Structure formats: C-alpha cells, structure tokens
Amino acid sequence: MLIYLRKMILIALISVVAWNYGTLTTMASVSNDKTVIKLKLDDIQASVNSKSVVLGMAPHLLNNTTMVPLRIVTEALGAEVIWDGNMQSVQLTLASQHIIMKIGSTSAKVNDASINLEQPPVIENDTTLVPIRFIAENFHQSVSFDDQTHEISITNVPAVTTIPDNVKPAAERLEKPTVDNLTNETMIKIPQFADHSKYVFRGAYSEGVVMTTDGKNNLYFLAESSPQDFTIKKMSLSKGNELETELLLTFSKEDFNFKYKDAQGFSQNFRYNEFIPSSLYYDRNSDKIFVMGSDLLQEITVFYQVYPNVKMIAYDRYINLKSKFDFIQPSDDGQTYYISSSFKGSIYTAHEGEALSNHTSVDGIRTHHLTSLMDKGQLYVLDQENKTIQLVTPGVGASSVATLNVGEIKTAIAHEGNFYLVAGNKFYRVDVKGKLEVYANLDEAVFHKGVYNFKTDTFDPTPTPYYYSLPTRPEDVDLERFEPKRIVIGLAPQRFIIDPKGNIIIYDDMYKILRRINVFK
C-alpha cells in the first residue's frame, strides 16, 4: 500500500509540472534520424519535421535570452525528463548528456559539472520555459535564429559515420619509411608568408609556410604577392600533373567586408583591406577551408570560410586570441564553431556571423599549443606542452582523457579521427583515448636522390641553384646542401599533413623544400 501511495504521489508531482498544452505527436525518438524543430518568437505555431504543432505558450525573450517551452524540445529530440516537484528541478538525459536545472536558479549541472546560466528556467502560466541555446548546445544540437523572420531552428544533425579502419583496403606498410624531395629551391617555389605580428622578437622567424590540405592530393598555401596583397594558392600532388601552384582566391574583394559592434557597442565596418590572414584550416566533414587573421594593429581577430565560398564566420574584438597558435574547429552541426585561445587557455564557442560567446577553460598553462579533433560529436584537444588529451564540453569544462608518454612534442595535427604528432625523430599516431603508436621513424628513413616528378613518376636530377658557383673539383660540391639526407623538424612553427594514402607531406624549413615521407607502398 505504501509503495502504491508513493507511486501515486510521484505521478501527481510529474503531472503538476503543468506542461499541459496540446499533445505533441509524431516526435522523434533517440536515433540517427535528422530532427528539425522550428519555432518563432511570440508565436504559438511551431513544427517538428515539417508537422505542425500548437504550443501552450509562445517562445519569447527574457533578459535577451530566448526561452522556449521545455516539452517540445525534449519530446522532439527524444530526451528523458525527470521532474522533482519538491526541489523544483528537472533532469534531462539525451544519450550520454545529462542536464540538471532548477526553476529560478542560475546554477545548472551538465554531466556533474557546474555552470552558470545567463537566464534561469522559469514557469509561466503553468509552462516550463528554458534557455534554448543552453539546452540545444549541450545536447549537441544546432540552433540558428533568423533576424528578419524571428524564426528559431533547432536541428539534430546525424553524426558523420566513417568506414572503420578494419574494413578499409589494407595498405601495405613499408619496412622503413622513404623520403622523396617534391620540390627544389630552383624549381617550384613554395609560397613564403611574412610574419605581420605587431611584435616581432629578435631571432624569431620572419617568414614561413602556412599550408593545409583537403585530403585529396591538394595543398593550399597562404601567399603574399606584394605588400598587403594576400592570396591563397593551390598545388596539386596528383600523379600525371605538372607540379605548379595556381591562384585559388584573393583577399582583395568586397566579400570580406562586414559590420560588427565594438567593445563600446558602436557599429563599425570591417573592410577587406584591413585583414591580414595568418593561418589556414580544412574541415573534412564539411569539405570547407577556413582562414584566421586580424587587422594590422591586432585590435580584432576574424574567422572566414573561404572555400567553397566566402563568408564571415566569427570575430573577437577583445584580443583574446593569438591566431598563429589557435584553431577553428567546426562542430558536426555546421553552424557552431569552437575556437581556441592559447593565450587565455580557453576554448570559445562561436555561432556563424557572431562575436565569440561563452568560453571553456582548458587545464594547462597559457600559451600552450592546442590541436583539436571532433570525434562522434565530441571535442578533444591535444595539449602539446602538457602532453595530454582532454575531452572538452563547451560551456562546462575539460577533463583529462590520457597523458602521452613521449618526449617533447614539436608539432601536431588531427586527421581522420586521430592525432599525429612529432617527438624526437619519430611521427606518432594517437587516438582520442591515448592509444599511441610509432607511425614513422626518421632514424630508419631511406632518402631518395633527385626530385620526384609527378608527371613521369620518376626522379629528376637535383638542379644546382643559379647562384651557386660550381667548384673545379666534383668532390668539393656540397651534396648535403642539394641532396639532404635528413629532415629538420621544429626550427619554426611548422605544419605537416597526411595524404590520401597515409603518407606524410611536410615542408622542411631548413632546406626550404616540400618533402614526402612514404609510410605505405
């Protein structure tokens, strides 16, 4: 009898939460199906997957925060809801994400981590209203707002699935890595990019190579044709083609103009001729290229998508970023971006076309180099100096996943679900759980002579630079200078990439040539 009474009391408590607006039908359960919820400010008409729903209360703004009825969001996404009438709290669960909020409280919990809310949940006319962006982002959903129509869209984008390694065609691994010279000082010149930092330290490298790849045998370089004339150049590494660079785009175009509000709240215009790019990023899931940079005085940092089209993604007007060492990481929804601040030891959340919003602290010392990786909708970062991998929950915090037992990490990248890093003379591959393996040992490498010819699939003799005066005796020729038998890594900020076959493409800053480290046949 006592158990029965307890059950009845619990049912009564749940019912008085008063989500008593119209019944919602045909809602999505937890699955990989795409769910689209459309709401409109001050309008009780809504839709879930294009099916009309009438709300008991219209979404509206409270303290500049969009508040929506909790029930439509949780039922449409298939989240589990537990209401505690005594505590006036609600617990939401979707997949591995757990959120606890209390009516009228600005303190919430996400996966047991405390976080402050700008606007607490409220009950109005027996309807529970919650801050939609907080709920959606912590459930890994995309939220967008149309300024003209006042329409709110909440989208659940299914996770991008990749073919597991164990079902991909097995590539035959070489017993020892081999090294090919892909360019030479007298042949194809790799675009050099000057350091336009406000502060240049004596002894620092004033130029270098900024490059990325699309994973399709194409490389992209930042270039400066003339002072303040910035471009992106493309180079194809496909067999049968002549190795050359071609112009992909120029930054001297009106597409890079936008309006923003400064720190005092005044509207300002940012023009393309103010922008100085500093780093390139490619996102495999969306097949897009992004660029990060700032104005000459470094008073504002801007992030653009530059391929397949140009648009401003986000900006920072508080000088929290040092774009040379920071990353931009699109989330799986394609509208939310995570941007690191190595200077602050934080990761910011950005929404397309907006200023950076809330930030998440990452354990570690400031000015650490962070490399990002999205895996199954979760954000991981590799801290080069701490040699740790951390799982980041945006707006909540970061937790350590693994500590890597390697020497000093010189540089690192992310590629197809793994981190790749250089420590000593070895390249390592490590997954998000910290499983580490030697990918290529340069101490065992075999160096090929000549320059690889992509058109003929052979090696051409290494040409002698025009400025070099040949000695009378052949034995006096500096063969090491033109046939380098080593790779020097770590002299300057340096990026390498993994090509479609799993081999390593790297710019050798000592010899100023592009090289390929063959790991597979």
Protein backbone atom coordinates (compact mmCIF):
# COMPACT_ATOMS: atom_id res chain seq x y z
CA MET A 1 0.00 0.00 0.00
CA LEU A 2 2.84 2.38 0.91
CA ILE A 3 4.60 1.65 -2.40
CA TYR A 4 1.34 2.31 -4.24
CA LEU A 5 0.86 5.66 -2.48
CA ARG A 6 4.44 6.66 -3.30
CA LYS A 7 3.83 5.87 -6.95
CA MET A 8 0.64 7.94 -6.94
CA ILE A 9 2.41 10.87 -5.30
CA LEU A 10 5.19 10.68 -7.89
CA ILE A 11 2.66 10.64 -10.72
CA ALA A 12 0.93 13.65 -9.19
CA LEU A 13 4.19 15.54 -8.89
CA ILE A 14 5.01 14.88 -12.51
CA SER A 15 1.58 15.96 -13.65
CA VAL A 16 1.66 19.29 -11.79
CA VAL A 17 4.72 20.35 -13.71
CA ALA A 18 1.92 21.61 -15.94
CA TRP A 19 3.17 21.05 -19.43
CA ASN A 20 -0.50 20.99 -20.32
CA TYR A 21 -0.50 22.47 -23.76
CA GLY A 22 -1.56 20.48 -26.83
CA THR A 23 -0.36 16.94 -27.25
CA LEU A 24 2.71 16.63 -29.43
CA THR A 25 2.56 13.82 -31.94
CA THR A 26 4.93 12.04 -34.26
CA MET A 27 8.01 13.07 -32.31
CA ALA A 28 11.45 11.68 -33.00
CA SER A 29 12.94 9.13 -30.66
CA VAL A 30 16.64 8.94 -29.94
CA SER A 31 18.07 7.84 -33.26
CA ASN A 32 20.31 8.89 -36.09
CA ASP A 33 17.36 10.49 -37.90
CA LYS A 34 17.60 14.20 -38.54
CA THR A 35 15.17 16.21 -36.40
CA VAL A 36 14.24 19.79 -37.29
CA ILE A 37 12.27 21.92 -34.82
CA LYS A 38 11.05 25.33 -35.98
CA LEU A 39 9.74 27.93 -33.55
CA LYS A 40 9.01 31.62 -33.83
CA LEU A 41 9.25 34.35 -31.23
CA ASP A 42 5.83 35.33 -29.83
CA ASP A 43 4.04 32.71 -31.95
CA ILE A 44 2.38 29.53 -30.65
CA GLN A 45 2.63 27.86 -34.07
CA ALA A 46 5.60 25.50 -34.36
CA SER A 47 6.67 22.48 -36.39
CA VAL A 48 8.62 19.29 -35.85
CA ASN A 49 9.93 17.67 -39.01
CA SER A 50 7.51 19.86 -41.03
CA LYS A 51 4.48 18.72 -38.98
CA SER A 52 2.51 21.49 -37.29
CA VAL A 53 2.36 21.75 -33.50
CA VAL A 54 0.43 24.26 -31.38
CA LEU A 55 2.20 25.38 -28.22
CA GLY A 56 0.57 26.36 -24.96
CA MET A 57 2.91 29.34 -24.76
CA ALA A 58 4.89 31.16 -27.41
CA PRO A 59 8.70 31.38 -27.22
CA HIS A 60 9.85 34.82 -26.12
CA LEU A 61 12.82 36.80 -24.83
CA LEU A 62 13.72 37.14 -21.16
CA ASN A 63 16.75 39.32 -20.41
CA ASN A 64 17.84 38.96 -24.05
CA THR A 65 17.70 35.16 -23.76
CA THR A 66 15.37 33.11 -25.95
CA MET A 67 13.12 30.99 -23.73
CA VAL A 68 11.05 28.15 -25.18
CA PRO A 69 8.68 25.54 -23.74
CA LEU A 70 10.76 22.65 -22.46
CA ARG A 71 8.36 19.94 -23.54
CA ILE A 72 8.56 20.49 -27.28
CA VAL A 73 12.35 20.34 -27.24
CA THR A 74 12.67 17.25 -25.05
CA GLU A 75 9.93 15.26 -26.76
CA ALA A 76 11.07 16.17 -30.26
CA LEU A 77 14.64 15.12 -29.50
CA GLY A 78 13.61 12.06 -27.52
CA ALA A 79 15.20 13.22 -24.26
CA GLU A 80 14.27 11.61 -20.94
CA VAL A 81 12.75 14.04 -18.42
CA ILE A 82 12.59 13.59 -14.63
CA TRP A 83 10.79 16.29 -12.64
CA ASP A 84 11.37 16.78 -8.90
CA GLY A 85 8.43 18.75 -7.53
CA ASN A 86 9.95 19.20 -4.08
CA MET A 87 13.22 20.63 -5.41
CA GLN A 88 11.56 22.38 -8.36
CA SER A 89 14.26 20.85 -10.57
CA VAL A 90 14.26 18.99 -13.85
CA GLN A 91 16.78 16.39 -15.03
CA LEU A 92 17.21 15.87 -18.77
CA THR A 93 19.07 12.99 -20.39
CA LEU A 94 19.88 12.51 -24.06
CA ALA A 95 22.39 9.82 -24.99
CA SER A 96 25.42 10.42 -22.73
CA GLN A 97 24.49 14.03 -21.87
CA HIS A 98 22.83 14.84 -18.51
CA ILE A 99 21.50 18.29 -17.60
CA ILE A 100 20.03 19.32 -14.24
CA MET A 101 18.33 22.71 -13.84
CA LYS A 102 16.31 24.31 -11.08
CA ILE A 103 13.47 26.75 -11.56
CA GLY A 104 14.69 30.27 -10.80
CA SER A 105 18.32 29.22 -10.33
CA THR A 106 21.21 30.41 -12.49
CA SER A 107 23.24 27.36 -11.42
CA ALA A 108 22.94 24.24 -13.57
CA LYS A 109 24.86 21.00 -13.97
CA VAL A 110 25.99 19.29 -17.15
CA ASN A 111 27.45 15.82 -16.60
CA ASP A 112 28.08 16.74 -12.90
CA ALA A 113 29.98 19.91 -13.83
CA SER A 114 28.54 23.19 -12.52
CA ILE A 115 27.80 26.01 -14.94
CA ASN A 116 26.17 29.42 -14.63
CA LEU A 117 23.15 30.38 -16.72
CA GLU A 118 22.53 33.89 -18.00
CA GLN A 119 18.79 33.29 -17.57
CA PRO A 120 17.36 30.56 -15.29
CA PRO A 121 14.40 28.32 -16.19
CA VAL A 122 11.01 29.75 -15.23
CA ILE A 123 7.40 28.63 -15.01
CA GLU A 124 4.91 30.95 -16.68
CA ASN A 125 1.20 30.10 -16.87
CA ASP A 126 1.97 26.51 -15.85
CA THR A 127 4.52 26.11 -18.66
CA THR A 128 8.21 25.43 -18.02
CA LEU A 129 10.43 27.66 -20.14
CA VAL A 130 14.15 27.04 -20.64
CA PRO A 131 17.03 28.88 -22.38
CA ILE A 132 17.03 27.10 -25.70
CA ARG A 133 20.64 27.69 -26.75
CA PHE A 134 21.94 26.23 -23.49
CA ILE A 135 19.79 23.10 -23.82
CA ALA A 136 20.43 22.56 -27.51
CA GLU A 137 24.19 23.07 -27.48
CA ASN A 138 24.70 20.76 -24.52
CA PHE A 139 22.66 18.15 -26.38
CA HIS A 140 24.92 18.73 -29.42
CA GLN A 141 22.17 20.36 -31.47
CA SER A 142 22.42 23.30 -33.84
CA VAL A 143 20.48 26.49 -33.07
CA SER A 144 20.00 29.30 -35.56
CA PHE A 145 17.96 32.49 -35.41
CA ASP A 146 16.68 34.47 -38.39
CA ASP A 147 16.77 38.17 -37.53
CA GLN A 148 14.20 39.04 -40.20
CA THR A 149 11.58 36.34 -39.59
CA HIS A 150 12.38 35.79 -35.87
CA GLU A 151 12.34 32.06 -36.59
CA ILE A 152 14.31 29.69 -34.35
CA SER A 153 15.58 26.46 -35.91
CA ILE A 154 16.86 23.56 -33.82
CA THR A 155 18.50 20.83 -35.84
CA ASN A 156 19.85 17.46 -34.87
CA VAL A 157 22.45 16.54 -37.48
CA PRO A 158 23.24 12.81 -37.51
CA ALA A 159 26.84 12.04 -36.72
CA VAL A 160 29.07 11.57 -39.76
CA THR A 161 30.00 7.93 -39.95
CA THR A 162 33.32 6.84 -41.31
CA ILE A 163 34.39 3.48 -42.59
CA PRO A 164 36.21 1.66 -39.78
CA ASP A 165 39.89 1.01 -40.37
CA ASN A 166 39.31 -2.73 -40.27
CA VAL A 167 37.11 -2.67 -43.39
CA LYS A 168 39.21 -0.29 -45.47
CA PRO A 169 41.50 -1.83 -48.06
CA ALA A 170 44.68 -2.65 -46.21
CA ALA A 171 47.65 -0.61 -47.43
CA GLU A 172 50.99 -2.39 -47.44
CA ARG A 173 53.33 -0.73 -44.98
CA LEU A 174 56.98 -0.18 -45.85
CA GLU A 175 59.61 -1.85 -43.68
CA LYS A 176 61.37 1.51 -43.47
CA PRO A 177 60.00 4.92 -44.40
CA THR A 178 61.40 6.52 -47.54
CA VAL A 179 61.74 10.24 -48.20
CA ASP A 180 61.10 11.96 -51.54
CA ASN A 181 62.05 15.54 -52.37
CA LEU A 182 58.99 17.05 -54.07
CA THR A 183 60.44 20.49 -54.79
CA ASN A 184 63.81 22.20 -55.08
CA GLU A 185 64.99 25.75 -54.48
CA THR A 186 65.38 26.36 -58.22
CA MET A 187 62.14 24.66 -59.24
CA ILE A 188 58.70 25.19 -57.76
CA LYS A 189 58.94 27.84 -55.06
CA ILE A 190 56.75 27.16 -52.06
CA PRO A 191 54.86 30.36 -51.16
CA GLN A 192 56.53 32.04 -48.20
CA PHE A 193 54.44 34.10 -45.84
CA ALA A 194 55.79 37.02 -43.82
CA ASP A 195 55.10 37.40 -40.12
CA HIS A 196 52.91 40.51 -39.78
CA SER A 197 52.68 40.35 -36.00
CA LYS A 198 52.54 43.60 -34.10
CA TYR A 199 55.52 42.43 -32.07
CA VAL A 200 58.40 40.60 -33.76
CA PHE A 201 61.06 39.27 -31.41
CA ARG A 202 64.71 39.35 -32.34
CA GLY A 203 65.82 35.98 -33.63
CA ALA A 204 62.29 34.86 -34.48
CA TYR A 205 61.50 33.55 -37.94
CA SER A 206 60.10 36.39 -40.04
CA GLU A 207 58.68 34.10 -42.70
CA GLY A 208 57.47 30.57 -43.06
CA VAL A 209 54.96 28.37 -44.81
CA VAL A 210 51.27 28.29 -43.90
CA MET A 211 49.58 25.34 -45.56
CA THR A 212 46.72 22.91 -45.26
CA THR A 213 45.27 20.08 -47.35
CA ASP A 214 41.85 18.84 -48.37
CA GLY A 215 42.85 15.19 -48.17
CA LYS A 216 42.53 14.89 -51.97
CA ASN A 217 46.15 15.43 -53.00
CA ASN A 218 45.68 19.21 -52.96
CA LEU A 219 47.72 21.63 -50.85
CA TYR A 220 46.71 25.19 -50.06
CA PHE A 221 49.14 27.96 -49.11
CA LEU A 222 48.80 31.48 -47.79
CA ALA A 223 50.80 33.80 -50.04
CA GLU A 224 51.63 37.49 -50.33
CA SER A 225 52.09 38.61 -53.93
CA SER A 226 53.03 42.13 -52.85
CA PRO A 227 52.77 44.06 -49.57
CA GLN A 228 49.21 43.72 -48.23
CA ASP A 229 48.15 41.70 -51.32
CA PHE A 230 47.21 38.36 -49.80
CA THR A 231 46.10 35.26 -51.70
CA ILE A 232 45.56 31.53 -51.29
CA LYS A 233 47.38 29.31 -53.77
CA LYS A 234 46.61 25.71 -54.62
CA MET A 235 49.04 22.94 -55.56
CA SER A 236 48.01 19.51 -56.86
CA LEU A 237 50.13 16.49 -55.93
CA SER A 238 48.30 14.11 -58.26
CA LYS A 239 50.32 11.83 -60.50
CA GLY A 240 50.40 12.79 -64.16
CA ASN A 241 50.26 16.52 -63.45
CA GLU A 242 52.96 19.13 -63.59
CA LEU A 243 53.76 20.37 -60.10
CA GLU A 244 52.76 24.02 -60.01
CA THR A 245 50.77 26.48 -57.95
CA GLU A 246 47.61 28.23 -59.11
CA LEU A 247 45.62 31.09 -57.63
CA LEU A 248 42.57 29.95 -55.64
CA LEU A 249 41.38 33.32 -54.34
CA THR A 250 42.46 36.81 -53.39
CA PHE A 251 41.50 38.60 -50.19
CA SER A 252 41.08 41.88 -52.09
CA LYS A 253 37.34 41.58 -52.60
CA GLU A 254 34.19 43.02 -51.07
CA ASP A 255 33.08 39.58 -49.84
CA PHE A 256 35.38 40.06 -46.84
CA ASN A 257 33.60 43.24 -45.67
CA PHE A 258 31.22 43.05 -42.70
CA LYS A 259 29.70 45.13 -39.91
CA TYR A 260 30.26 44.49 -36.22
CA LYS A 261 29.85 46.15 -32.82
CA ASP A 262 32.95 47.31 -31.00
CA ALA A 263 33.63 46.96 -27.26
CA GLN A 264 31.57 50.12 -26.61
CA GLY A 265 28.62 48.78 -28.58
CA PHE A 266 29.04 51.09 -31.58
CA SER A 267 28.56 49.75 -35.10
CA GLN A 268 31.79 49.52 -37.10
CA ASN A 269 32.73 48.48 -40.63
CA PHE A 270 35.49 45.96 -41.25
CA ARG A 271 36.91 46.14 -44.76
CA TYR A 272 38.87 43.57 -46.72
CA ASN A 273 41.97 45.78 -46.95
CA GLU A 274 42.29 45.70 -43.15
CA PHE A 275 42.54 41.90 -42.98
CA ILE A 276 45.88 40.11 -42.60
CA PRO A 277 45.48 36.30 -42.72
CA SER A 278 47.69 34.17 -40.52
CA SER A 279 46.50 30.55 -40.59
CA LEU A 280 44.54 28.07 -42.72
CA TYR A 281 42.29 25.18 -41.68
CA TYR A 282 40.47 22.47 -43.58
CA ASP A 283 37.45 20.60 -42.20
CA ARG A 284 36.99 17.19 -43.78
CA ASN A 285 33.37 16.67 -42.68
CA SER A 286 32.11 19.83 -44.37
CA ASP A 287 34.80 19.99 -47.10
CA LYS A 288 35.43 23.65 -46.28
CA ILE A 289 38.53 25.78 -45.87
CA PHE A 290 38.75 28.45 -43.17
CA VAL A 291 41.21 31.24 -42.54
CA MET A 292 42.01 33.11 -39.33
CA GLY A 293 43.65 36.52 -39.10
CA SER A 294 43.43 40.05 -37.74
CA ASP A 295 43.85 43.69 -38.65
CA LEU A 296 47.31 45.25 -38.76
CA LEU A 297 47.05 46.63 -35.21
CA GLN A 298 45.62 43.32 -33.96
CA GLU A 299 42.57 45.00 -32.49
CA ILE A 300 40.13 42.44 -33.90
CA THR A 301 40.53 38.79 -34.88
CA VAL A 302 38.32 37.47 -37.69
CA PHE A 303 37.47 33.99 -38.97
CA TYR A 304 36.28 33.44 -42.52
CA GLN A 305 35.15 30.49 -44.55
CA VAL A 306 36.98 30.90 -47.86
CA TYR A 307 36.05 27.74 -49.76
CA PRO A 308 33.74 26.83 -51.47
CA ASN A 309 32.51 30.41 -50.89
CA VAL A 310 33.50 33.38 -48.74
CA LYS A 311 31.61 34.36 -45.60
CA MET A 312 32.47 35.72 -42.18
CA ILE A 313 32.16 33.04 -39.50
CA ALA A 314 33.01 34.83 -36.26
CA TYR A 315 35.10 37.60 -34.77
CA ASP A 316 36.76 38.53 -31.48
CA ARG A 317 37.12 42.18 -30.51
CA TYR A 318 38.71 41.66 -27.08
CA ILE A 319 42.13 40.47 -28.26
CA ASN A 320 41.80 37.09 -26.54
CA LEU A 321 43.38 35.21 -29.43
CA LYS A 322 46.81 34.76 -30.93
CA SER A 323 45.70 33.41 -34.26
CA LYS A 324 49.11 31.99 -35.15
CA PHE A 325 48.70 29.33 -32.45
CA ASP A 326 44.93 28.93 -32.30
CA PHE A 327 42.48 26.71 -34.16
CA ILE A 328 38.96 26.94 -35.52
CA GLN A 329 37.00 23.68 -35.28
CA PRO A 330 33.54 23.37 -36.87
CA SER A 331 31.12 21.18 -34.94
CA ASP A 332 29.12 18.45 -36.62
CA ASP A 333 26.08 20.72 -37.00
CA GLY A 334 27.98 23.03 -39.37
CA GLN A 335 26.80 26.22 -37.63
CA THR A 336 28.63 26.15 -34.31
CA TYR A 337 32.40 26.63 -34.14
CA TYR A 338 34.94 26.09 -31.39
CA ILE A 339 37.88 28.49 -31.39
CA SER A 340 40.88 28.16 -29.11
CA SER A 341 42.71 30.87 -27.24
CA SER A 342 46.16 29.57 -26.40
CA PHE A 343 46.84 32.95 -24.79
CA LYS A 344 43.94 32.51 -22.35
CA GLY A 345 43.98 28.73 -22.07
CA SER A 346 40.34 28.69 -23.18
CA ILE A 347 38.08 27.47 -25.96
CA TYR A 348 35.33 29.80 -27.17
CA THR A 349 32.02 28.93 -28.76
CA ALA A 350 31.11 30.88 -31.88
CA HIS A 351 27.92 31.00 -33.92
CA GLU A 352 28.01 31.90 -37.56
CA GLY A 353 28.27 35.64 -38.10
CA GLU A 354 28.51 36.49 -34.39
CA ALA A 355 31.15 37.53 -31.88
CA LEU A 356 32.72 34.84 -29.70
CA SER A 357 30.42 33.88 -26.83
CA ASN A 358 30.95 31.70 -23.77
CA HIS A 359 34.30 30.07 -23.14
CA THR A 360 35.55 26.87 -21.57
CA SER A 361 38.76 26.70 -19.56
CA VAL A 362 41.25 24.04 -20.60
CA ASP A 363 43.63 22.68 -17.99
CA GLY A 364 47.16 23.79 -18.68
CA ILE A 365 49.41 26.79 -18.76
CA ARG A 366 48.65 29.73 -21.02
CA THR A 367 50.27 29.93 -24.44
CA HIS A 368 50.13 26.16 -24.86
CA HIS A 369 49.64 24.84 -28.37
CA LEU A 370 46.30 23.06 -28.73
CA THR A 371 45.26 20.77 -31.58
CA SER A 372 41.55 19.98 -31.97
CA LEU A 373 39.64 16.93 -33.14
CA MET A 374 35.90 16.23 -33.43
CA ASP A 375 35.03 12.57 -32.85
CA LYS A 376 31.43 11.37 -32.79
CA GLY A 377 30.19 14.84 -31.92
CA GLN A 378 32.67 15.34 -29.08
CA LEU A 379 35.53 17.83 -28.98
CA TYR A 380 39.02 16.65 -27.99
CA VAL A 381 42.17 18.75 -27.72
CA LEU A 382 45.80 17.70 -27.61
CA ASP A 383 47.97 19.95 -25.43
CA GLN A 384 51.48 19.77 -26.88
CA GLU A 385 53.27 21.13 -23.81
CA ASN A 386 51.33 19.10 -21.21
CA LYS A 387 51.27 16.03 -23.50
CA THR A 388 47.65 15.43 -22.57
CA ILE A 389 44.42 14.73 -24.44
CA GLN A 390 41.37 16.43 -22.97
CA LEU A 391 37.67 15.99 -23.63
CA VAL A 392 36.01 19.40 -23.80
CA THR A 393 32.34 20.02 -23.08
CA PRO A 394 31.75 23.55 -24.39
CA GLY A 395 30.44 25.89 -21.72
CA VAL A 396 31.13 23.34 -18.99
CA GLY A 397 34.77 22.32 -18.75
CA ALA A 398 37.51 19.93 -19.81
CA SER A 399 38.54 16.58 -18.40
CA SER A 400 41.81 14.75 -18.98
CA VAL A 401 41.49 11.58 -21.03
CA ALA A 402 45.11 10.50 -21.39
CA THR A 403 48.71 11.54 -20.78
CA LEU A 404 51.15 10.66 -23.55
CA ASN A 405 54.46 9.03 -22.72
CA VAL A 406 56.61 10.74 -25.36
CA GLY A 407 59.38 13.31 -25.46
CA GLU A 408 58.89 16.96 -26.30
CA ILE A 409 56.10 17.34 -28.85
CA LYS A 410 57.34 19.61 -31.64
CA THR A 411 54.17 19.84 -33.70
CA ALA A 412 50.83 18.05 -34.05
CA ILE A 413 47.82 17.81 -36.37
CA ALA A 414 44.49 15.96 -36.48
CA HIS A 415 43.47 13.71 -39.36
CA GLU A 416 40.53 11.31 -39.81
CA GLY A 417 39.82 10.70 -36.13
CA ASN A 418 43.42 10.57 -34.88
CA PHE A 419 46.12 12.94 -33.72
CA TYR A 420 49.52 12.83 -35.43
CA LEU A 421 52.49 14.32 -33.62
CA VAL A 422 56.25 14.63 -33.85
CA ALA A 423 58.51 13.90 -30.87
CA GLY A 424 62.22 13.45 -31.37
CA ASN A 425 62.73 11.95 -34.83
CA LYS A 426 59.50 9.98 -34.75
CA PHE A 427 56.00 10.61 -36.00
CA TYR A 428 53.30 9.11 -33.79
CA ARG A 429 49.63 8.36 -34.33
CA VAL A 430 47.36 8.51 -31.27
CA ASP A 431 43.61 8.06 -30.93
CA VAL A 432 41.35 10.13 -28.68
CA LYS A 433 41.75 7.62 -25.84
CA GLY A 434 45.54 7.96 -25.84
CA LYS A 435 46.49 4.76 -27.68
CA LEU A 436 49.92 5.61 -29.09
CA GLU A 437 51.86 4.02 -31.94
CA VAL A 438 55.00 4.93 -33.87
CA TYR A 439 53.89 5.99 -37.34
CA ALA A 440 57.28 6.72 -38.94
CA ASN A 441 60.80 6.62 -37.51
CA LEU A 442 63.08 9.04 -39.35
CA ASP A 443 66.17 7.40 -37.86
CA GLU A 444 65.38 4.44 -40.15
CA ALA A 445 64.39 6.50 -43.19
CA VAL A 446 65.85 5.91 -46.65
CA PHE A 447 66.37 9.18 -48.58
CA HIS A 448 65.85 9.12 -52.34
CA LYS A 449 68.12 11.22 -54.53
CA GLY A 450 66.77 13.73 -57.00
CA VAL A 451 63.40 15.45 -57.21
CA TYR A 452 60.25 13.40 -57.69
CA ASN A 453 58.48 14.10 -60.99
CA PHE A 454 54.70 13.72 -60.61
CA LYS A 455 54.16 13.59 -64.37
CA THR A 456 56.61 10.77 -65.14
CA ASP A 457 56.60 9.05 -61.71
CA THR A 458 60.41 9.11 -61.75
CA PHE A 459 63.17 11.14 -60.10
CA ASP A 460 64.84 14.02 -61.94
CA PRO A 461 68.43 15.02 -61.10
CA THR A 462 68.61 17.73 -58.47
CA PRO A 463 69.41 21.02 -60.24
CA THR A 464 72.09 23.30 -58.90
CA PRO A 465 70.84 26.73 -57.79
CA TYR A 466 71.71 29.53 -60.20
CA TYR A 467 73.59 31.45 -57.50
CA TYR A 468 75.91 28.54 -56.71
CA SER A 469 79.32 28.62 -58.37
CA LEU A 470 80.45 25.06 -59.03
CA PRO A 471 83.95 24.22 -57.74
CA THR A 472 86.58 22.86 -60.07
CA ARG A 473 86.70 19.53 -58.26
CA PRO A 474 83.49 17.43 -58.12
CA GLU A 475 84.38 16.21 -54.63
CA ASP A 476 84.05 19.79 -53.38
CA VAL A 477 80.36 20.01 -54.32
CA ASP A 478 78.20 20.36 -51.21
CA LEU A 479 75.99 17.33 -51.86
CA GLU A 480 74.39 17.62 -48.43
CA ARG A 481 73.13 21.04 -49.43
CA PHE A 482 71.32 19.80 -52.52
CA GLU A 483 70.70 16.15 -51.60
CA PRO A 484 69.65 16.50 -47.94
CA LYS A 485 69.82 13.23 -46.03
CA ARG A 486 67.85 14.36 -43.04
CA ILE A 487 64.75 16.31 -42.11
CA VAL A 488 65.00 19.05 -39.53
CA ILE A 489 61.75 19.45 -37.61
CA GLY A 490 60.90 22.05 -35.01
CA LEU A 491 63.02 25.03 -36.05
CA ALA A 492 59.94 27.14 -36.76
CA PRO A 493 56.17 26.77 -36.40
CA GLN A 494 55.56 24.03 -38.90
CA ARG A 495 52.64 22.04 -40.26
CA PHE A 496 52.59 18.70 -41.95
CA ILE A 497 49.69 16.83 -43.48
CA ILE A 498 48.67 13.24 -44.20
CA ASP A 499 47.91 12.47 -47.85
CA PRO A 500 45.12 10.13 -49.06
CA LYS A 501 47.48 7.14 -48.97
CA GLY A 502 48.52 7.81 -45.38
CA ASN A 503 51.94 9.21 -46.29
CA ILE A 504 53.30 12.41 -44.72
CA ILE A 505 53.77 15.66 -46.64
CA ILE A 506 55.94 18.16 -44.78
CA TYR A 507 57.66 21.44 -45.51
CA ASP A 508 61.32 21.19 -44.49
CA ASP A 509 62.08 24.61 -43.06
CA MET A 510 65.84 24.06 -43.03
CA TYR A 511 66.16 23.19 -46.72
CA LYS A 512 63.02 25.11 -47.76
CA ILE A 513 61.59 22.27 -49.80
CA LEU A 514 58.45 20.18 -49.77
CA ARG A 515 59.05 16.52 -48.92
CA ARG A 516 57.04 13.31 -48.72
CA ILE A 517 57.68 10.66 -46.09
CA ASN A 518 56.37 7.41 -47.55
CA VAL A 519 54.90 5.16 -44.87
CA PHE A 520 52.95 2.91 -47.26
CA LYS A 521 53.78 1.48 -50.68
